[in-house]
Amino acid sequence: LPRKVKKRRCLARERGRFMRQSEYPIYRKICTTYTSPDGESTWTYGVELVSAGKVVEFPDIALSSAAVERLIDRLRINAVEPCHFFDVVQDYIEECATP
């Protein structure tokens, strides 16, 4: 079913020192409004990767902003390379879904 999506940039806290984006990946929190066919709206949160002038988004990770911030902390602390970005995000989603 088609869905109407509106995007808005969240004010994500940037941690650590400033690094040029050509050398290091930058991970940011993004917010998306999901509107169901019934007209109900809800916020979902995701991660945006900026690396070497390219932008990659993983928009619908969680309904909780704090959960996405924990993921971003994990990506930054472990210095995850862009080639492993999707694998780490998928593992995190599975980890959150496991009781």
N, C-alpha and C. Protein backbone atom coordinates (compact mmCIF):
# COMPACT_ATOMS: atom_id res chain seq x y z
N LEU A 1 0.83 -1.18 0.00
CA LEU A 1 0.00 0.00 0.00
C LEU A 1 0.87 1.25 0.00
N PRO A 2 0.51 2.23 -0.78
CA PRO A 2 1.32 3.46 -0.77
C PRO A 2 1.14 4.19 0.55
N ARG A 3 2.16 4.86 0.95
CA ARG A 3 2.08 5.64 2.18
C ARG A 3 2.64 7.03 1.93
N LYS A 4 2.11 7.96 2.65
CA LYS A 4 2.55 9.33 2.54
C LYS A 4 3.63 9.57 3.58
N VAL A 5 4.79 10.01 3.14
CA VAL A 5 5.91 10.18 4.05
C VAL A 5 6.39 11.63 3.98
N LYS A 6 6.52 12.23 5.14
CA LYS A 6 7.09 13.57 5.23
C LYS A 6 8.37 13.45 6.01
N LYS A 7 9.39 14.13 5.56
CA LYS A 7 10.68 14.07 6.24
C LYS A 7 10.98 15.40 6.91
N ARG A 8 11.66 15.29 8.02
CA ARG A 8 12.13 16.49 8.69
C ARG A 8 13.41 16.11 9.41
N ARG A 9 14.36 16.96 9.33
CA ARG A 9 15.65 16.69 9.96
C ARG A 9 15.54 16.95 11.47
N CYS A 10 15.93 15.98 12.26
CA CYS A 10 15.96 16.14 13.71
C CYS A 10 17.24 16.86 14.09
N LEU A 11 17.19 17.49 15.20
CA LEU A 11 18.41 18.09 15.71
C LEU A 11 19.17 17.02 16.46
N ALA A 12 20.01 16.33 15.74
CA ALA A 12 20.79 15.24 16.34
C ALA A 12 22.00 15.84 17.03
N ARG A 13 22.30 15.30 18.19
CA ARG A 13 23.48 15.77 18.91
C ARG A 13 24.72 15.22 18.24
N GLU A 14 25.60 16.09 17.89
CA GLU A 14 26.87 15.67 17.29
C GLU A 14 27.87 15.52 18.43
N ARG A 15 28.43 14.32 18.56
CA ARG A 15 29.38 14.05 19.63
C ARG A 15 30.79 13.93 19.06
N GLY A 16 31.74 14.19 19.92
CA GLY A 16 33.14 14.05 19.50
C GLY A 16 33.63 15.28 18.77
N ARG A 17 34.83 15.17 18.29
CA ARG A 17 35.42 16.31 17.59
C ARG A 17 34.97 16.35 16.13
N PHE A 18 35.13 17.50 15.53
CA PHE A 18 34.74 17.66 14.12
C PHE A 18 35.70 16.90 13.23
N MET A 19 35.13 16.14 12.30
CA MET A 19 35.96 15.40 11.35
C MET A 19 35.49 15.73 9.94
N ARG A 20 36.40 15.87 9.03
CA ARG A 20 36.02 16.15 7.65
C ARG A 20 35.29 14.94 7.08
N GLN A 21 34.18 15.20 6.36
CA GLN A 21 33.40 14.08 5.88
C GLN A 21 34.08 13.27 4.80
N SER A 22 35.10 13.79 4.17
CA SER A 22 35.80 13.00 3.17
C SER A 22 36.63 11.89 3.81
N GLU A 23 37.01 12.05 5.08
CA GLU A 23 37.84 11.06 5.74
C GLU A 23 37.07 10.10 6.63
N TYR A 24 36.03 10.56 7.30
CA TYR A 24 35.32 9.75 8.28
C TYR A 24 33.82 9.76 8.00
N PRO A 25 33.15 8.64 8.24
CA PRO A 25 31.69 8.64 8.06
C PRO A 25 31.01 9.44 9.17
N ILE A 26 29.90 10.08 8.82
CA ILE A 26 29.11 10.84 9.78
C ILE A 26 27.75 10.16 9.87
N TYR A 27 27.32 9.85 11.08
CA TYR A 27 26.03 9.22 11.32
C TYR A 27 25.11 10.22 11.98
N ARG A 28 23.89 10.39 11.45
CA ARG A 28 22.92 11.35 11.98
C ARG A 28 21.56 10.68 12.16
N LYS A 29 20.83 11.16 13.16
CA LYS A 29 19.46 10.69 13.38
C LYS A 29 18.53 11.44 12.43
N ILE A 30 17.58 10.72 11.82
CA ILE A 30 16.57 11.35 10.98
C ILE A 30 15.19 10.97 11.49
N CYS A 31 14.23 11.83 11.25
CA CYS A 31 12.84 11.60 11.65
C CYS A 31 11.97 11.54 10.41
N THR A 32 11.01 10.64 10.43
CA THR A 32 10.08 10.50 9.32
C THR A 32 8.67 10.41 9.89
N THR A 33 7.73 11.09 9.26
CA THR A 33 6.33 10.96 9.65
C THR A 33 5.69 9.94 8.75
N TYR A 34 5.12 8.91 9.35
CA TYR A 34 4.41 7.89 8.60
C TYR A 34 2.92 8.11 8.79
N THR A 35 2.19 8.21 7.67
CA THR A 35 0.74 8.36 7.72
C THR A 35 0.11 7.11 7.13
N SER A 36 -0.66 6.41 7.95
CA SER A 36 -1.31 5.18 7.50
C SER A 36 -2.49 5.51 6.59
N PRO A 37 -3.00 4.52 5.86
CA PRO A 37 -4.18 4.76 5.01
C PRO A 37 -5.39 5.24 5.82
N ASP A 38 -5.42 4.93 7.13
CA ASP A 38 -6.52 5.38 7.99
C ASP A 38 -6.38 6.84 8.39
N GLY A 39 -5.24 7.46 8.06
CA GLY A 39 -5.01 8.86 8.40
C GLY A 39 -4.28 9.07 9.71
N GLU A 40 -3.86 7.99 10.38
CA GLU A 40 -3.10 8.10 11.62
C GLU A 40 -1.64 8.39 11.32
N SER A 41 -1.07 9.33 12.05
CA SER A 41 0.34 9.69 11.85
C SER A 41 1.17 9.28 13.06
N THR A 42 2.39 8.89 12.79
CA THR A 42 3.34 8.55 13.86
C THR A 42 4.75 8.87 13.39
N TRP A 43 5.62 9.16 14.36
CA TRP A 43 7.02 9.44 14.05
C TRP A 43 7.80 8.13 14.06
N THR A 44 8.70 7.99 13.11
CA THR A 44 9.67 6.90 13.12
C THR A 44 11.05 7.53 13.01
N TYR A 45 12.03 6.85 13.54
CA TYR A 45 13.39 7.39 13.57
C TYR A 45 14.33 6.45 12.84
N GLY A 46 15.34 7.02 12.22
CA GLY A 46 16.30 6.24 11.47
C GLY A 46 17.67 6.87 11.51
N VAL A 47 18.57 6.33 10.68
CA VAL A 47 19.96 6.79 10.63
C VAL A 47 20.31 7.18 9.21
N GLU A 48 21.06 8.25 9.11
CA GLU A 48 21.59 8.71 7.82
C GLU A 48 23.11 8.63 7.91
N LEU A 49 23.72 8.05 6.88
CA LEU A 49 25.17 7.95 6.79
C LEU A 49 25.65 8.90 5.70
N VAL A 50 26.60 9.76 6.04
CA VAL A 50 27.23 10.64 5.07
C VAL A 50 28.69 10.26 5.01
N SER A 51 29.13 9.83 3.82
CA SER A 51 30.51 9.41 3.66
C SER A 51 30.96 9.66 2.23
N ALA A 52 32.08 10.29 2.08
CA ALA A 52 32.66 10.58 0.76
C ALA A 52 31.66 11.28 -0.16
N GLY A 53 30.90 12.20 0.41
CA GLY A 53 29.95 12.98 -0.38
C GLY A 53 28.67 12.24 -0.75
N LYS A 54 28.50 11.01 -0.28
CA LYS A 54 27.30 10.24 -0.56
C LYS A 54 26.45 10.13 0.70
N VAL A 55 25.13 10.07 0.51
CA VAL A 55 24.21 9.96 1.62
C VAL A 55 23.42 8.66 1.48
N VAL A 56 23.40 7.87 2.55
CA VAL A 56 22.63 6.62 2.59
C VAL A 56 21.72 6.69 3.80
N GLU A 57 20.43 6.37 3.61
CA GLU A 57 19.47 6.44 4.71
C GLU A 57 18.90 5.08 5.03
N PHE A 58 18.65 4.86 6.29
CA PHE A 58 17.93 3.70 6.80
C PHE A 58 16.82 4.32 7.64
N PRO A 59 15.67 4.70 7.02
CA PRO A 59 14.72 5.60 7.65
C PRO A 59 13.84 5.05 8.77
N ASP A 60 13.39 3.83 8.71
CA ASP A 60 12.42 3.33 9.69
C ASP A 60 13.03 2.26 10.57
N ILE A 61 13.82 2.67 11.56
CA ILE A 61 14.47 1.71 12.43
C ILE A 61 13.65 1.49 13.70
N ALA A 62 13.17 2.57 14.32
CA ALA A 62 12.47 2.44 15.59
C ALA A 62 11.47 3.57 15.79
N LEU A 63 10.56 3.34 16.73
CA LEU A 63 9.61 4.39 17.11
C LEU A 63 10.18 5.25 18.23
N SER A 64 11.29 4.82 18.80
CA SER A 64 11.92 5.52 19.91
C SER A 64 13.17 6.25 19.45
N SER A 65 13.22 7.53 19.75
CA SER A 65 14.40 8.33 19.43
C SER A 65 15.62 7.83 20.20
N ALA A 66 15.42 7.43 21.44
CA ALA A 66 16.53 6.96 22.28
C ALA A 66 17.15 5.68 21.71
N ALA A 67 16.34 4.80 21.14
CA ALA A 67 16.87 3.56 20.56
C ALA A 67 17.80 3.87 19.39
N VAL A 68 17.43 4.85 18.58
CA VAL A 68 18.26 5.22 17.43
C VAL A 68 19.52 5.93 17.91
N GLU A 69 19.43 6.73 18.96
CA GLU A 69 20.62 7.37 19.50
C GLU A 69 21.61 6.33 20.04
N ARG A 70 21.10 5.25 20.65
CA ARG A 70 21.99 4.17 21.11
C ARG A 70 22.69 3.51 19.92
N LEU A 71 21.96 3.31 18.83
CA LEU A 71 22.56 2.74 17.62
C LEU A 71 23.64 3.66 17.07
N ILE A 72 23.36 4.95 17.01
CA ILE A 72 24.35 5.91 16.49
C ILE A 72 25.59 5.92 17.38
N ASP A 73 25.39 5.85 18.70
CA ASP A 73 26.54 5.77 19.61
C ASP A 73 27.38 4.53 19.31
N ARG A 74 26.72 3.42 19.08
CA ARG A 74 27.42 2.16 18.77
C ARG A 74 28.20 2.30 17.47
N LEU A 75 27.57 2.92 16.45
CA LEU A 75 28.26 3.10 15.17
C LEU A 75 29.50 3.97 15.32
N ARG A 76 29.39 5.04 16.11
CA ARG A 76 30.52 5.96 16.30
C ARG A 76 31.62 5.37 17.16
N ILE A 77 31.23 4.75 18.28
CA ILE A 77 32.23 4.20 19.20
C ILE A 77 33.04 3.09 18.54
N ASN A 78 32.36 2.25 17.76
CA ASN A 78 33.05 1.13 17.11
C ASN A 78 33.65 1.52 15.77
N ALA A 79 33.53 2.79 15.38
CA ALA A 79 34.08 3.29 14.12
C ALA A 79 33.71 2.37 12.95
N VAL A 80 32.40 2.14 12.81
CA VAL A 80 31.89 1.23 11.78
C VAL A 80 32.14 1.83 10.40
N GLU A 81 32.75 1.06 9.53
CA GLU A 81 33.00 1.49 8.16
C GLU A 81 31.69 1.48 7.37
N PRO A 82 31.55 2.37 6.39
CA PRO A 82 30.32 2.43 5.59
C PRO A 82 29.94 1.10 4.94
N CYS A 83 30.91 0.27 4.57
CA CYS A 83 30.59 -1.01 3.93
C CYS A 83 29.88 -1.97 4.89
N HIS A 84 30.00 -1.74 6.20
CA HIS A 84 29.35 -2.60 7.20
C HIS A 84 28.10 -1.97 7.80
N PHE A 85 27.72 -0.77 7.33
CA PHE A 85 26.61 -0.02 7.89
C PHE A 85 25.31 -0.82 7.93
N PHE A 86 24.89 -1.36 6.79
CA PHE A 86 23.61 -2.08 6.73
C PHE A 86 23.61 -3.32 7.62
N ASP A 87 24.72 -4.04 7.67
CA ASP A 87 24.81 -5.23 8.51
C ASP A 87 24.65 -4.90 9.99
N VAL A 88 25.31 -3.83 10.42
CA VAL A 88 25.24 -3.43 11.83
C VAL A 88 23.83 -2.97 12.17
N VAL A 89 23.19 -2.21 11.29
CA VAL A 89 21.82 -1.74 11.53
C VAL A 89 20.86 -2.93 11.59
N GLN A 90 20.99 -3.85 10.67
CA GLN A 90 20.11 -5.03 10.67
C GLN A 90 20.30 -5.86 11.94
N ASP A 91 21.54 -6.04 12.36
CA ASP A 91 21.80 -6.77 13.61
C ASP A 91 21.17 -6.05 14.80
N TYR A 92 21.23 -4.73 14.81
CA TYR A 92 20.65 -3.95 15.92
C TYR A 92 19.14 -4.10 15.94
N ILE A 93 18.51 -4.06 14.78
CA ILE A 93 17.05 -4.22 14.71
C ILE A 93 16.65 -5.60 15.23
N GLU A 94 17.37 -6.63 14.82
CA GLU A 94 17.09 -7.99 15.31
C GLU A 94 17.31 -8.09 16.82
N GLU A 95 18.35 -7.44 17.32
CA GLU A 95 18.65 -7.44 18.75
C GLU A 95 17.51 -6.77 19.54
N CYS A 96 16.98 -5.68 19.02
CA CYS A 96 15.89 -4.97 19.70
C CYS A 96 14.59 -5.76 19.65
N ALA A 97 14.40 -6.56 18.61
CA ALA A 97 13.17 -7.33 18.45
C ALA A 97 13.18 -8.60 19.29
N THR A 98 14.36 -9.04 19.72
CA THR A 98 14.47 -10.26 20.52
C THR A 98 14.13 -9.94 21.97
N PRO A 99 13.20 -10.71 22.56
CA PRO A 99 12.80 -10.41 23.96
C PRO A 99 13.87 -10.73 24.97
